[in-house]
Amino acid sequence: MRRYVPGADDHEGPSEYDPEVDHERLQLSAAMHCEQDERNTDRIVEQLQENGIEPPYSVLDAGCGYGTVTQSRFGDDDRFQVVAIDEAEDVLEHRPQKPP
């Protein structure tokens, strides 16, 4: 079964984003990037608040793919209003849904 990976046709061999290739390495990388994103988000929010800008903060994720990263970073945080878009409509059909 071949999975759709945006940009995967641009090179030969497996994509670095294919979880079947190296699951542990991808999990470690994801955790590291998540921690970096949280630190960077906290710094940005501090700067916005220091400049008198109050939530909700607007976030645009252009090229969101399935939206899993966007959901994991901003999905449960009421400080952010997020718009996530992607050129591939079939990808957006599989995006994570917020619970009602």
C-alpha atoms as a PDB file:
ATOM      1  CA  MET A   1       0.000   0.000   0.000  1.00  0.00           C
ATOM      2  CA  ARG A   2       1.458   3.327  -1.041  1.00  0.00           C
ATOM      3  CA  ARG A   3       0.646   6.314   1.151  1.00  0.00           C
ATOM      4  CA  TYR A   4       0.228   9.809  -0.224  1.00  0.00           C
ATOM      5  CA  VAL A   5       3.160  11.937   0.873  1.00  0.00           C
ATOM      6  CA  PRO A   6       3.220  15.508  -0.474  1.00  0.00           C
ATOM      7  CA  GLY A   7       6.380  16.001  -2.510  1.00  0.00           C
ATOM      8  CA  ALA A   8       7.306  12.299  -2.368  1.00  0.00           C
ATOM      9  CA  ASP A   9       7.429  12.095  -6.159  1.00  0.00           C
ATOM     10  CA  ASP A  10      10.178  14.727  -6.203  1.00  0.00           C
ATOM     11  CA  HIS A  11      12.873  12.156  -5.326  1.00  0.00           C
ATOM     12  CA  GLU A  12      13.598   8.455  -5.483  1.00  0.00           C
ATOM     13  CA  GLY A  13      13.345   6.170  -2.472  1.00  0.00           C
ATOM     14  CA  PRO A  14      11.173   6.322   0.607  1.00  0.00           C
ATOM     15  CA  SER A  15      10.097   9.652   2.020  1.00  0.00           C
ATOM     16  CA  GLU A  16      11.464  10.704   5.377  1.00  0.00           C
ATOM     17  CA  TYR A  17       7.823  11.151   6.390  1.00  0.00           C
ATOM     18  CA  ASP A  18       6.779   7.560   5.717  1.00  0.00           C
ATOM     19  CA  PRO A  19       6.164   6.054   9.171  1.00  0.00           C
ATOM     20  CA  GLU A  20       6.806   2.561   7.820  1.00  0.00           C
ATOM     21  CA  VAL A  21      10.433   3.444   7.093  1.00  0.00           C
ATOM     22  CA  ASP A  22      11.742   4.304  10.552  1.00  0.00           C
ATOM     23  CA  HIS A  23       9.015   4.728  13.171  1.00  0.00           C
ATOM     24  CA  GLU A  24      11.264   5.339  16.216  1.00  0.00           C
ATOM     25  CA  ARG A  25      13.360   7.977  14.460  1.00  0.00           C
ATOM     26  CA  LEU A  26      10.243   9.790  13.314  1.00  0.00           C
ATOM     27  CA  GLN A  27       8.752   9.704  16.827  1.00  0.00           C
ATOM     28  CA  LEU A  28      11.946  11.151  18.317  1.00  0.00           C
ATOM     29  CA  SER A  29      12.090  13.839  15.640  1.00  0.00           C
ATOM     30  CA  ALA A  30       8.422  14.714  16.161  1.00  0.00           C
ATOM     31  CA  ALA A  31       8.890  15.020  19.937  1.00  0.00           C
ATOM     32  CA  MET A  32      11.940  17.251  19.485  1.00  0.00           C
ATOM     33  CA  HIS A  33      10.123  19.511  17.016  1.00  0.00           C
ATOM     34  CA  CYS A  34       7.060  19.656  19.265  1.00  0.00           C
ATOM     35  CA  GLU A  35       9.186  20.880  22.185  1.00  0.00           C
ATOM     36  CA  GLN A  36      10.871  23.471  19.969  1.00  0.00           C
ATOM     37  CA  ASP A  37       7.511  24.642  18.641  1.00  0.00           C
ATOM     38  CA  GLU A  38       6.100  24.994  22.166  1.00  0.00           C
ATOM     39  CA  ARG A  39       9.110  27.052  23.294  1.00  0.00           C
ATOM     40  CA  ASN A  40       8.920  29.256  20.198  1.00  0.00           C
ATOM     41  CA  THR A  41       5.163  29.711  20.570  1.00  0.00           C
ATOM     42  CA  ASP A  42       5.589  30.721  24.216  1.00  0.00           C
ATOM     43  CA  ARG A  43       8.260  33.280  23.236  1.00  0.00           C
ATOM     44  CA  ILE A  44       6.068  34.725  20.500  1.00  0.00           C
ATOM     45  CA  VAL A  45       3.063  34.978  22.833  1.00  0.00           C
ATOM     46  CA  GLU A  46       5.235  36.746  25.432  1.00  0.00           C
ATOM     47  CA  GLN A  47       6.361  39.280  22.822  1.00  0.00           C
ATOM     48  CA  LEU A  48       2.800  39.842  21.636  1.00  0.00           C
ATOM     49  CA  GLN A  49       1.627  40.416  25.214  1.00  0.00           C
ATOM     50  CA  GLU A  50       4.548  42.759  25.935  1.00  0.00           C
ATOM     51  CA  ASN A  51       3.376  44.825  22.965  1.00  0.00           C
ATOM     52  CA  GLY A  52      -0.214  44.942  24.196  1.00  0.00           C
ATOM     53  CA  ILE A  53      -1.577  42.418  21.716  1.00  0.00           C
ATOM     54  CA  GLU A  54      -4.183  40.206  23.339  1.00  0.00           C
ATOM     55  CA  PRO A  55      -5.578  36.839  22.283  1.00  0.00           C
ATOM     56  CA  PRO A  56      -6.988  35.368  20.233  1.00  0.00           C
ATOM     57  CA  TYR A  57      -3.911  35.281  18.030  1.00  0.00           C
ATOM     58  CA  SER A  58      -4.399  34.472  14.352  1.00  0.00           C
ATOM     59  CA  VAL A  59      -2.420  31.616  12.828  1.00  0.00           C
ATOM     60  CA  LEU A  60      -2.332  30.690   9.144  1.00  0.00           C
ATOM     61  CA  ASP A  61      -0.969  27.273   8.210  1.00  0.00           C
ATOM     62  CA  ALA A  62      -0.577  27.368   4.434  1.00  0.00           C
ATOM     63  CA  GLY A  63       0.209  23.896   3.150  1.00  0.00           C
ATOM     64  CA  CYS A  64      -1.118  22.125   6.230  1.00  0.00           C
ATOM     65  CA  GLY A  65      -1.288  18.667   4.661  1.00  0.00           C
ATOM     66  CA  TYR A  66      -3.424  16.459   6.856  1.00  0.00           C
ATOM     67  CA  GLY A  67      -3.409  19.116   9.595  1.00  0.00           C
ATOM     68  CA  THR A  68      -1.999  16.841  12.278  1.00  0.00           C
ATOM     69  CA  VAL A  69       0.850  19.202  13.178  1.00  0.00           C
ATOM     70  CA  THR A  70      -1.485  22.196  13.258  1.00  0.00           C
ATOM     71  CA  GLN A  71      -3.947  20.298  15.436  1.00  0.00           C
ATOM     72  CA  SER A  72      -1.236  19.123  17.827  1.00  0.00           C
ATOM     73  CA  ARG A  73       0.239  22.623  18.225  1.00  0.00           C
ATOM     74  CA  PHE A  74      -2.906  24.766  18.375  1.00  0.00           C
ATOM     75  CA  GLY A  75      -5.953  22.479  18.535  1.00  0.00           C
ATOM     76  CA  ASP A  76      -6.665  22.732  22.255  1.00  0.00           C
ATOM     77  CA  ASP A  77      -5.315  26.222  22.866  1.00  0.00           C
ATOM     78  CA  ASP A  78      -8.056  28.859  23.009  1.00  0.00           C
ATOM     79  CA  ARG A  79      -5.486  31.646  22.583  1.00  0.00           C
ATOM     80  CA  PHE A  80      -5.313  30.917  18.858  1.00  0.00           C
ATOM     81  CA  GLN A  81      -7.685  31.200  15.915  1.00  0.00           C
ATOM     82  CA  VAL A  82      -6.281  28.920  13.237  1.00  0.00           C
ATOM     83  CA  VAL A  83      -6.922  28.783   9.515  1.00  0.00           C
ATOM     84  CA  ALA A  84      -5.300  25.769   7.865  1.00  0.00           C
ATOM     85  CA  ILE A  85      -5.330  25.429   4.084  1.00  0.00           C
ATOM     86  CA  ASP A  86      -3.828  23.041   1.585  1.00  0.00           C
ATOM     87  CA  GLU A  87      -3.821  22.929  -2.185  1.00  0.00           C
ATOM     88  CA  ALA A  88      -4.680  19.213  -2.260  1.00  0.00           C
ATOM     89  CA  GLU A  89      -8.388  18.899  -1.493  1.00  0.00           C
ATOM     90  CA  ASP A  90      -8.182  15.126  -0.951  1.00  0.00           C
ATOM     91  CA  VAL A  91      -5.699  15.700   1.881  1.00  0.00           C
ATOM     92  CA  LEU A  92      -8.102  18.018   3.694  1.00  0.00           C
ATOM     93  CA  GLU A  93     -10.823  15.378   3.613  1.00  0.00           C
ATOM     94  CA  HIS A  94      -8.704  13.352   6.085  1.00  0.00           C
ATOM     95  CA  ARG A  95      -7.811  16.180   8.450  1.00  0.00           C
ATOM     96  CA  PRO A  96      -8.303  15.702  12.198  1.00  0.00           C
ATOM     97  CA  GLN A  97     -11.683  16.867  13.408  1.00  0.00           C
ATOM     98  CA  LYS A  98     -12.243  18.790  16.629  1.00  0.00           C
ATOM     99  CA  PRO A  99     -14.641  17.056  18.963  1.00  0.00           C
ATOM    100  CA  PRO A 100     -18.108  18.710  19.045  1.00  0.00           C
END
